[in-house]
């Protein structure tokens, strides 16, 4: 059983194929719209990279452990449809797994610091 206060963060870097960024953004937003209704979903922020025009970076917070995420989330039908559409849109994707330890400016994690 996981700690109820445990959270995992995914930082995902997407390098889109030339001319495919808008199509990928639409595809990604469909995924985020679906996953935002999930019980363990906390937050997602999508960023444009100011220096690399074909890059998007996603910052995603989920309650529970990375193991819980791997057990439950990939099996969702909307994720399978999302994954099937990526080969025409992306040249590369990297995923970093993080756990929050301190936070200032919001209360999205369980580690907000009082000022």
C-alpha atoms as a PDB file:
ATOM      1  CA  UNK A   1       0.000   0.000   0.000  1.00  0.00           C
ATOM      2  CA  UNK A   2       1.399   3.413  -0.972  1.00  0.00           C
ATOM      3  CA  UNK A   3       1.684   6.500   1.182  1.00  0.00           C
ATOM      4  CA  UNK A   4      -1.432   8.656   0.608  1.00  0.00           C
ATOM      5  CA  UNK A   5       0.771  11.760   0.503  1.00  0.00           C
ATOM      6  CA  UNK A   6       3.153  10.293  -2.079  1.00  0.00           C
ATOM      7  CA  UNK A   7       3.341  11.977  -5.472  1.00  0.00           C
ATOM      8  CA  UNK A   8       5.280  11.407  -8.661  1.00  0.00           C
ATOM      9  CA  UNK A   9       6.150  13.945 -11.312  1.00  0.00           C
ATOM     10  CA  UNK A  10       6.800  13.262 -14.967  1.00  0.00           C
ATOM     11  CA  UNK A  11       8.810  15.716 -17.021  1.00  0.00           C
ATOM     12  CA  UNK A  12       8.367  14.677 -20.626  1.00  0.00           C
ATOM     13  CA  UNK A  13      10.272  16.284 -23.482  1.00  0.00           C
ATOM     14  CA  UNK A  14       8.745  15.927 -26.937  1.00  0.00           C
ATOM     15  CA  UNK A  15      10.694  16.771 -30.069  1.00  0.00           C
ATOM     16  CA  UNK A  16       8.194  16.996 -32.888  1.00  0.00           C
ATOM     17  CA  UNK A  17       8.922  16.248 -36.505  1.00  0.00           C
ATOM     18  CA  UNK A  18       9.280  19.397 -38.624  1.00  0.00           C
ATOM     19  CA  UNK A  19       5.888  20.932 -39.341  1.00  0.00           C
ATOM     20  CA  UNK A  20       4.097  18.583 -36.914  1.00  0.00           C
ATOM     21  CA  UNK A  21       4.085  20.656 -33.706  1.00  0.00           C
ATOM     22  CA  UNK A  22       0.508  21.946 -34.036  1.00  0.00           C
ATOM     23  CA  UNK A  23      -0.825  18.482 -34.876  1.00  0.00           C
ATOM     24  CA  UNK A  24       1.072  16.985 -31.955  1.00  0.00           C
ATOM     25  CA  UNK A  25      -0.173  19.718 -29.604  1.00  0.00           C
ATOM     26  CA  UNK A  26      -3.778  18.868 -30.537  1.00  0.00           C
ATOM     27  CA  UNK A  27      -3.064  15.149 -30.022  1.00  0.00           C
ATOM     28  CA  UNK A  28      -1.416  15.842 -26.643  1.00  0.00           C
ATOM     29  CA  UNK A  29      -4.242  18.119 -25.462  1.00  0.00           C
ATOM     30  CA  UNK A  30      -6.741  15.347 -26.208  1.00  0.00           C
ATOM     31  CA  UNK A  31      -4.721  13.027 -23.953  1.00  0.00           C
ATOM     32  CA  UNK A  32      -4.438  15.620 -21.181  1.00  0.00           C
ATOM     33  CA  UNK A  33      -8.170  16.300 -21.365  1.00  0.00           C
ATOM     34  CA  UNK A  34      -8.858  12.598 -20.819  1.00  0.00           C
ATOM     35  CA  UNK A  35      -6.309  12.007 -18.090  1.00  0.00           C
ATOM     36  CA  UNK A  36      -7.314  15.151 -16.173  1.00  0.00           C
ATOM     37  CA  UNK A  37     -10.448  13.308 -15.095  1.00  0.00           C
ATOM     38  CA  UNK A  38      -8.493  10.474 -13.477  1.00  0.00           C
ATOM     39  CA  UNK A  39      -8.638   9.930  -9.722  1.00  0.00           C
ATOM     40  CA  UNK A  40      -4.880  10.261  -9.196  1.00  0.00           C
ATOM     41  CA  UNK A  41      -4.343  13.202 -11.569  1.00  0.00           C
ATOM     42  CA  UNK A  42      -3.138  16.405  -9.877  1.00  0.00           C
ATOM     43  CA  UNK A  43      -1.895  18.778 -12.583  1.00  0.00           C
ATOM     44  CA  UNK A  44      -0.298  19.123 -16.001  1.00  0.00           C
ATOM     45  CA  UNK A  45       1.480  22.108 -17.519  1.00  0.00           C
ATOM     46  CA  UNK A  46       2.566  22.081 -21.175  1.00  0.00           C
ATOM     47  CA  UNK A  47       5.464  24.349 -22.137  1.00  0.00           C
ATOM     48  CA  UNK A  48       6.866  25.585 -25.433  1.00  0.00           C
ATOM     49  CA  UNK A  49      10.664  25.647 -25.463  1.00  0.00           C
ATOM     50  CA  UNK A  50      11.667  29.223 -26.329  1.00  0.00           C
ATOM     51  CA  UNK A  51      14.969  28.076 -27.850  1.00  0.00           C
ATOM     52  CA  UNK A  52      13.848  24.956 -29.731  1.00  0.00           C
ATOM     53  CA  UNK A  53      10.704  25.642 -31.792  1.00  0.00           C
ATOM     54  CA  UNK A  54       9.887  21.962 -32.408  1.00  0.00           C
ATOM     55  CA  UNK A  55      10.035  21.049 -28.694  1.00  0.00           C
ATOM     56  CA  UNK A  56       7.251  20.821 -26.104  1.00  0.00           C
ATOM     57  CA  UNK A  57       7.865  19.953 -22.451  1.00  0.00           C
ATOM     58  CA  UNK A  58       5.145  18.556 -20.211  1.00  0.00           C
ATOM     59  CA  UNK A  59       5.216  18.755 -16.406  1.00  0.00           C
ATOM     60  CA  UNK A  60       2.737  16.323 -14.864  1.00  0.00           C
ATOM     61  CA  UNK A  61       1.910  15.576 -11.203  1.00  0.00           C
ATOM     62  CA  UNK A  62       0.148  12.407 -10.048  1.00  0.00           C
ATOM     63  CA  UNK A  63      -0.742  11.194  -6.573  1.00  0.00           C
ATOM     64  CA  UNK A  64       0.799   7.870  -5.628  1.00  0.00           C
ATOM     65  CA  UNK A  65       4.038   6.203  -6.561  1.00  0.00           C
ATOM     66  CA  UNK A  66       5.712   5.666  -9.922  1.00  0.00           C
ATOM     67  CA  UNK A  67       4.881   1.976  -9.472  1.00  0.00           C
ATOM     68  CA  UNK A  68       1.164   2.819  -9.053  1.00  0.00           C
ATOM     69  CA  UNK A  69       1.321   4.980 -12.182  1.00  0.00           C
ATOM     70  CA  UNK A  70       2.974   2.184 -14.200  1.00  0.00           C
ATOM     71  CA  UNK A  71       0.447  -0.337 -12.923  1.00  0.00           C
ATOM     72  CA  UNK A  72      -2.707   1.708 -13.591  1.00  0.00           C
ATOM     73  CA  UNK A  73      -2.227   4.467 -16.147  1.00  0.00           C
ATOM     74  CA  UNK A  74      -0.758   2.789 -19.271  1.00  0.00           C
ATOM     75  CA  UNK A  75      -3.743   0.436 -19.452  1.00  0.00           C
ATOM     76  CA  UNK A  76      -6.251   3.245 -20.075  1.00  0.00           C
ATOM     77  CA  UNK A  77      -7.822   2.963 -23.543  1.00  0.00           C
ATOM     78  CA  UNK A  78      -7.247   6.637 -24.353  1.00  0.00           C
ATOM     79  CA  UNK A  79      -3.513   6.205 -23.677  1.00  0.00           C
ATOM     80  CA  UNK A  80      -3.312   3.362 -26.160  1.00  0.00           C
ATOM     81  CA  UNK A  81      -4.933   5.528 -28.846  1.00  0.00           C
ATOM     82  CA  UNK A  82      -2.556   8.364 -27.985  1.00  0.00           C
ATOM     83  CA  UNK A  83       0.535   6.134 -28.238  1.00  0.00           C
ATOM     84  CA  UNK A  84      -0.569   4.785 -31.620  1.00  0.00           C
ATOM     85  CA  UNK A  85      -0.648   8.314 -33.059  1.00  0.00           C
ATOM     86  CA  UNK A  86       2.867   9.344 -32.049  1.00  0.00           C
ATOM     87  CA  UNK A  87       5.051   7.797 -34.765  1.00  0.00           C
ATOM     88  CA  UNK A  88       3.958  10.347 -37.390  1.00  0.00           C
ATOM     89  CA  UNK A  89       4.340  13.309 -35.014  1.00  0.00           C
ATOM     90  CA  UNK A  90       7.464  12.847 -32.888  1.00  0.00           C
ATOM     91  CA  UNK A  91      11.128  12.398 -33.617  1.00  0.00           C
ATOM     92  CA  UNK A  92      11.996  11.826 -29.935  1.00  0.00           C
ATOM     93  CA  UNK A  93      10.435  11.612 -26.467  1.00  0.00           C
ATOM     94  CA  UNK A  94      12.243  11.459 -23.138  1.00  0.00           C
ATOM     95  CA  UNK A  95      10.675  10.926 -19.718  1.00  0.00           C
ATOM     96  CA  UNK A  96      12.152  11.882 -16.365  1.00  0.00           C
ATOM     97  CA  UNK A  97      10.574  10.650 -13.127  1.00  0.00           C
ATOM     98  CA  UNK A  98      10.733  12.950 -10.124  1.00  0.00           C
ATOM     99  CA  UNK A  99       9.290  13.190  -6.653  1.00  0.00           C
ATOM    100  CA  UNK A 100       8.576  16.596  -5.112  1.00  0.00           C
ATOM    101  CA  UNK A 101      10.470  17.562  -1.967  1.00  0.00           C
ATOM    102  CA  UNK A 102       9.699  21.293  -1.586  1.00  0.00           C
ATOM    103  CA  UNK A 103       7.418  23.828  -3.263  1.00  0.00           C
ATOM    104  CA  UNK A 104       6.898  27.584  -3.190  1.00  0.00           C
ATOM    105  CA  UNK A 105       4.183  29.625  -4.863  1.00  0.00           C
ATOM    106  CA  UNK A 106       1.358  27.078  -5.044  1.00  0.00           C
ATOM    107  CA  UNK A 107       0.002  24.081  -3.214  1.00  0.00           C
ATOM    108  CA  UNK A 108       0.028  21.460  -5.969  1.00  0.00           C
ATOM    109  CA  UNK A 109       2.360  19.103  -4.176  1.00  0.00           C
ATOM    110  CA  UNK A 110       2.314  17.857  -0.638  1.00  0.00           C
ATOM    111  CA  UNK A 111       5.532  19.803  -0.010  1.00  0.00           C
ATOM    112  CA  UNK A 112       4.458  23.452  -0.096  1.00  0.00           C
ATOM    113  CA  UNK A 113       6.616  25.693   2.092  1.00  0.00           C
ATOM    114  CA  UNK A 114       4.978  28.454   4.110  1.00  0.00           C
ATOM    115  CA  UNK A 115       6.531  31.853   3.541  1.00  0.00           C
END
